[in-house]
Amino acid sequence: MDRLKVGIVFGGCSEEHPISVKSAQEVARHLDVEKYDPFYIGITKRG
C-alpha cells in the first residue's frame, strides 16, 4: 500500500521558533510511518 506524503512545516522568524521545532519533533514521533511518508520543511529564524 502506498503511504500518503505528509509535509511537516516548522520554524519561522519568531520567538516561537524553538517551540515550533519541538512541536514538529513530537508530531513526527507520533506519526504512523506505515500509513504516512513524512517530509520536513524547516524555516530558519531568518525566514
PDB file of N, CA and C in Angstrom:
ATOM      1  N   MET A   1       0.846  -1.181   0.000  1.00  0.00           N
ATOM      2  CA  MET A   1       0.000   0.000   0.000  1.00  0.00           C
ATOM      3  C   MET A   1       0.891   1.244   0.000  1.00  0.00           C
ATOM      4  N   ASP A   2       0.552   2.204  -0.831  1.00  0.00           N
ATOM      5  CA  ASP A   2       1.301   3.463  -0.875  1.00  0.00           C
ATOM      6  C   ASP A   2       0.993   4.295   0.360  1.00  0.00           C
ATOM      7  N   ARG A   3       2.028   4.918   0.871  1.00  0.00           N
ATOM      8  CA  ARG A   3       1.853   5.801   2.024  1.00  0.00           C
ATOM      9  C   ARG A   3       1.553   7.212   1.534  1.00  0.00           C
ATOM     10  N   LEU A   4       0.727   7.913   2.273  1.00  0.00           N
ATOM     11  CA  LEU A   4       0.370   9.290   1.957  1.00  0.00           C
ATOM     12  C   LEU A   4       1.513  10.207   2.374  1.00  0.00           C
ATOM     13  N   LYS A   5       1.969  11.058   1.449  1.00  0.00           N
ATOM     14  CA  LYS A   5       3.024  12.024   1.778  1.00  0.00           C
ATOM     15  C   LYS A   5       2.431  13.137   2.634  1.00  0.00           C
ATOM     16  N   VAL A   6       3.132  13.448   3.715  1.00  0.00           N
ATOM     17  CA  VAL A   6       2.681  14.476   4.648  1.00  0.00           C
ATOM     18  C   VAL A   6       3.831  15.441   4.901  1.00  0.00           C
ATOM     19  N   GLY A   7       3.588  16.725   4.671  1.00  0.00           N
ATOM     20  CA  GLY A   7       4.600  17.741   4.945  1.00  0.00           C
ATOM     21  C   GLY A   7       4.452  18.275   6.356  1.00  0.00           C
ATOM     22  N   ILE A   8       5.559  18.341   7.055  1.00  0.00           N
ATOM     23  CA  ILE A   8       5.579  18.911   8.400  1.00  0.00           C
ATOM     24  C   ILE A   8       6.385  20.205   8.322  1.00  0.00           C
ATOM     25  N   VAL A   9       5.682  21.314   8.461  1.00  0.00           N
ATOM     26  CA  VAL A   9       6.308  22.636   8.364  1.00  0.00           C
ATOM     27  C   VAL A   9       6.605  23.122   9.782  1.00  0.00           C
ATOM     28  N   PHE A  10       7.816  23.645   9.978  1.00  0.00           N
ATOM     29  CA  PHE A  10       8.191  24.099  11.316  1.00  0.00           C
ATOM     30  C   PHE A  10       9.206  25.226  11.239  1.00  0.00           C
ATOM     31  N   GLY A  11       9.353  25.927  12.348  1.00  0.00           N
ATOM     32  CA  GLY A  11      10.325  27.018  12.426  1.00  0.00           C
ATOM     33  C   GLY A  11       9.655  28.362  12.237  1.00  0.00           C
ATOM     34  N   GLY A  12      10.363  29.252  11.569  1.00  0.00           N
ATOM     35  CA  GLY A  12       9.827  30.584  11.303  1.00  0.00           C
ATOM     36  C   GLY A  12      10.583  31.669  12.037  1.00  0.00           C
ATOM     37  N   CYS A  13      10.298  32.902  11.646  1.00  0.00           N
ATOM     38  CA  CYS A  13      11.048  34.043  12.205  1.00  0.00           C
ATOM     39  C   CYS A  13      10.315  34.678  13.374  1.00  0.00           C
ATOM     40  N   SER A  14      10.109  33.913  14.401  1.00  0.00           N
ATOM     41  CA  SER A  14       9.503  34.486  15.601  1.00  0.00           C
ATOM     42  C   SER A  14      10.199  33.919  16.829  1.00  0.00           C
ATOM     43  N   GLU A  15       9.829  34.448  17.965  1.00  0.00           N
ATOM     44  CA  GLU A  15      10.384  33.937  19.216  1.00  0.00           C
ATOM     45  C   GLU A  15       9.896  32.524  19.505  1.00  0.00           C
ATOM     46  N   GLU A  16       8.867  32.082  18.794  1.00  0.00           N
ATOM     47  CA  GLU A  16       8.304  30.747  18.981  1.00  0.00           C
ATOM     48  C   GLU A  16       9.049  29.673  18.184  1.00  0.00           C
ATOM     49  N   HIS A  17      10.113  30.042  17.496  1.00  0.00           N
ATOM     50  CA  HIS A  17      10.855  29.107  16.648  1.00  0.00           C
ATOM     51  C   HIS A  17      11.215  27.803  17.374  1.00  0.00           C
ATOM     52  N   PRO A  18      11.853  27.857  18.542  1.00  0.00           N
ATOM     53  CA  PRO A  18      12.224  26.604  19.221  1.00  0.00           C
ATOM     54  C   PRO A  18      11.017  25.747  19.594  1.00  0.00           C
ATOM     55  N   ILE A  19       9.909  26.384  19.925  1.00  0.00           N
ATOM     56  CA  ILE A  19       8.700  25.643  20.273  1.00  0.00           C
ATOM     57  C   ILE A  19       8.141  24.952  19.039  1.00  0.00           C
ATOM     58  N   SER A  20       8.183  25.628  17.902  1.00  0.00           N
ATOM     59  CA  SER A  20       7.725  25.044  16.649  1.00  0.00           C
ATOM     60  C   SER A  20       8.557  23.821  16.274  1.00  0.00           C
ATOM     61  N   VAL A  21       9.866  23.920  16.451  1.00  0.00           N
ATOM     62  CA  VAL A  21      10.757  22.788  16.153  1.00  0.00           C
ATOM     63  C   VAL A  21      10.416  21.612  17.062  1.00  0.00           C
ATOM     64  N   LYS A  22      10.236  21.877  18.337  1.00  0.00           N
ATOM     65  CA  LYS A  22       9.901  20.825  19.302  1.00  0.00           C
ATOM     66  C   LYS A  22       8.552  20.197  18.964  1.00  0.00           C
ATOM     67  N   SER A  23       7.585  21.010  18.578  1.00  0.00           N
ATOM     68  CA  SER A  23       6.263  20.501  18.199  1.00  0.00           C
ATOM     69  C   SER A  23       6.353  19.593  16.980  1.00  0.00           C
ATOM     70  N   ALA A  24       7.146  19.991  15.997  1.00  0.00           N
ATOM     71  CA  ALA A  24       7.329  19.167  14.795  1.00  0.00           C
ATOM     72  C   ALA A  24       7.962  17.830  15.155  1.00  0.00           C
ATOM     73  N   GLN A  25       8.903  17.834  16.085  1.00  0.00           N
ATOM     74  CA  GLN A  25       9.529  16.587  16.530  1.00  0.00           C
ATOM     75  C   GLN A  25       8.495  15.666  17.173  1.00  0.00           C
ATOM     76  N   GLU A  26       7.608  16.237  17.952  1.00  0.00           N
ATOM     77  CA  GLU A  26       6.567  15.432  18.600  1.00  0.00           C
ATOM     78  C   GLU A  26       5.577  14.875  17.578  1.00  0.00           C
ATOM     79  N   VAL A  27       5.192  15.691  16.610  1.00  0.00           N
ATOM     80  CA  VAL A  27       4.299  15.213  15.546  1.00  0.00           C
ATOM     81  C   VAL A  27       4.958  14.046  14.816  1.00  0.00           C
ATOM     82  N   ALA A  28       6.218  14.213  14.442  1.00  0.00           N
ATOM     83  CA  ALA A  28       6.943  13.167  13.718  1.00  0.00           C
ATOM     84  C   ALA A  28       7.051  11.896  14.551  1.00  0.00           C
ATOM     85  N   ARG A  29       7.271  12.057  15.828  1.00  0.00           N
ATOM     86  CA  ARG A  29       7.432  10.896  16.711  1.00  0.00           C
ATOM     87  C   ARG A  29       6.146  10.079  16.809  1.00  0.00           C
ATOM     88  N   HIS A  30       5.004  10.735  16.701  1.00  0.00           N
ATOM     89  CA  HIS A  30       3.719  10.050  16.844  1.00  0.00           C
ATOM     90  C   HIS A  30       3.063   9.685  15.512  1.00  0.00           C
ATOM     91  N   LEU A  31       3.701  10.013  14.420  1.00  0.00           N
ATOM     92  CA  LEU A  31       3.139   9.729  13.100  1.00  0.00           C
ATOM     93  C   LEU A  31       3.269   8.242  12.777  1.00  0.00           C
ATOM     94  N   ASP A  32       2.219   7.659  12.266  1.00  0.00           N
ATOM     95  CA  ASP A  32       2.239   6.249  11.868  1.00  0.00           C
ATOM     96  C   ASP A  32       2.947   6.139  10.516  1.00  0.00           C
ATOM     97  N   VAL A  33       4.219   5.736  10.543  1.00  0.00           N
ATOM     98  CA  VAL A  33       5.015   5.705   9.313  1.00  0.00           C
ATOM     99  C   VAL A  33       4.629   4.554   8.384  1.00  0.00           C
ATOM    100  N   GLU A  34       3.772   3.669   8.843  1.00  0.00           N
ATOM    101  CA  GLU A  34       3.247   2.643   7.940  1.00  0.00           C
ATOM    102  C   GLU A  34       2.168   3.232   7.035  1.00  0.00           C
ATOM    103  N   LYS A  35       1.545   4.318   7.473  1.00  0.00           N
ATOM    104  CA  LYS A  35       0.488   4.979   6.699  1.00  0.00           C
ATOM    105  C   LYS A  35       0.969   6.249   6.010  1.00  0.00           C
ATOM    106  N   TYR A  36       1.955   6.932   6.625  1.00  0.00           N
ATOM    107  CA  TYR A  36       2.374   8.247   6.140  1.00  0.00           C
ATOM    108  C   TYR A  36       3.865   8.287   5.830  1.00  0.00           C
ATOM    109  N   ASP A  37       4.204   9.047   4.809  1.00  0.00           N
ATOM    110  CA  ASP A  37       5.592   9.261   4.400  1.00  0.00           C
ATOM    111  C   ASP A  37       5.912  10.740   4.638  1.00  0.00           C
ATOM    112  N   PRO A  38       6.443  11.061   5.814  1.00  0.00           N
ATOM    113  CA  PRO A  38       6.651  12.470   6.141  1.00  0.00           C
ATOM    114  C   PRO A  38       7.837  13.088   5.423  1.00  0.00           C
ATOM    115  N   PHE A  39       7.695  14.368   5.093  1.00  0.00           N
ATOM    116  CA  PHE A  39       8.840  15.156   4.651  1.00  0.00           C
ATOM    117  C   PHE A  39       8.787  16.469   5.420  1.00  0.00           C
ATOM    118  N   TYR A  40       9.947  17.046   5.634  1.00  0.00           N
ATOM    119  CA  TYR A  40      10.069  18.160   6.562  1.00  0.00           C
ATOM    120  C   TYR A  40      10.432  19.444   5.836  1.00  0.00           C
ATOM    121  N   ILE A  41       9.757  20.520   6.214  1.00  0.00           N
ATOM    122  CA  ILE A  41      10.006  21.832   5.636  1.00  0.00           C
ATOM    123  C   ILE A  41      10.358  22.759   6.796  1.00  0.00           C
ATOM    124  N   GLY A  42      11.655  22.978   6.971  1.00  0.00           N
ATOM    125  CA  GLY A  42      12.119  23.820   8.063  1.00  0.00           C
ATOM    126  C   GLY A  42      12.356  25.243   7.597  1.00  0.00           C
ATOM    127  N   ILE A  43      11.871  26.184   8.371  1.00  0.00           N
ATOM    128  CA  ILE A  43      12.059  27.600   8.077  1.00  0.00           C
ATOM    129  C   ILE A  43      13.000  28.167   9.143  1.00  0.00           C
ATOM    130  N   THR A  44      14.082  28.777   8.693  1.00  0.00           N
ATOM    131  CA  THR A  44      15.070  29.304   9.630  1.00  0.00           C
ATOM    132  C   THR A  44      14.534  30.525  10.372  1.00  0.00           C
ATOM    133  N   LYS A  45      15.257  30.931  11.376  1.00  0.00           N
ATOM    134  CA  LYS A  45      14.871  32.128  12.132  1.00  0.00           C
ATOM    135  C   LYS A  45      14.924  33.379  11.266  1.00  0.00           C
ATOM    136  N   ARG A  46      15.713  33.324  10.208  1.00  0.00           N
ATOM    137  CA  ARG A  46      15.804  34.468   9.288  1.00  0.00           C
ATOM    138  C   ARG A  46      14.767  34.400   8.173  1.00  0.00           C
ATOM    139  N   GLY A  47      14.006  33.318   8.129  1.00  0.00           N
ATOM    140  CA  GLY A  47      12.966  33.168   7.120  1.00  0.00           C
ATOM    141  C   GLY A  47      13.440  32.392   5.960  1.00  0.00           C
TER     142      GLY A  47
END
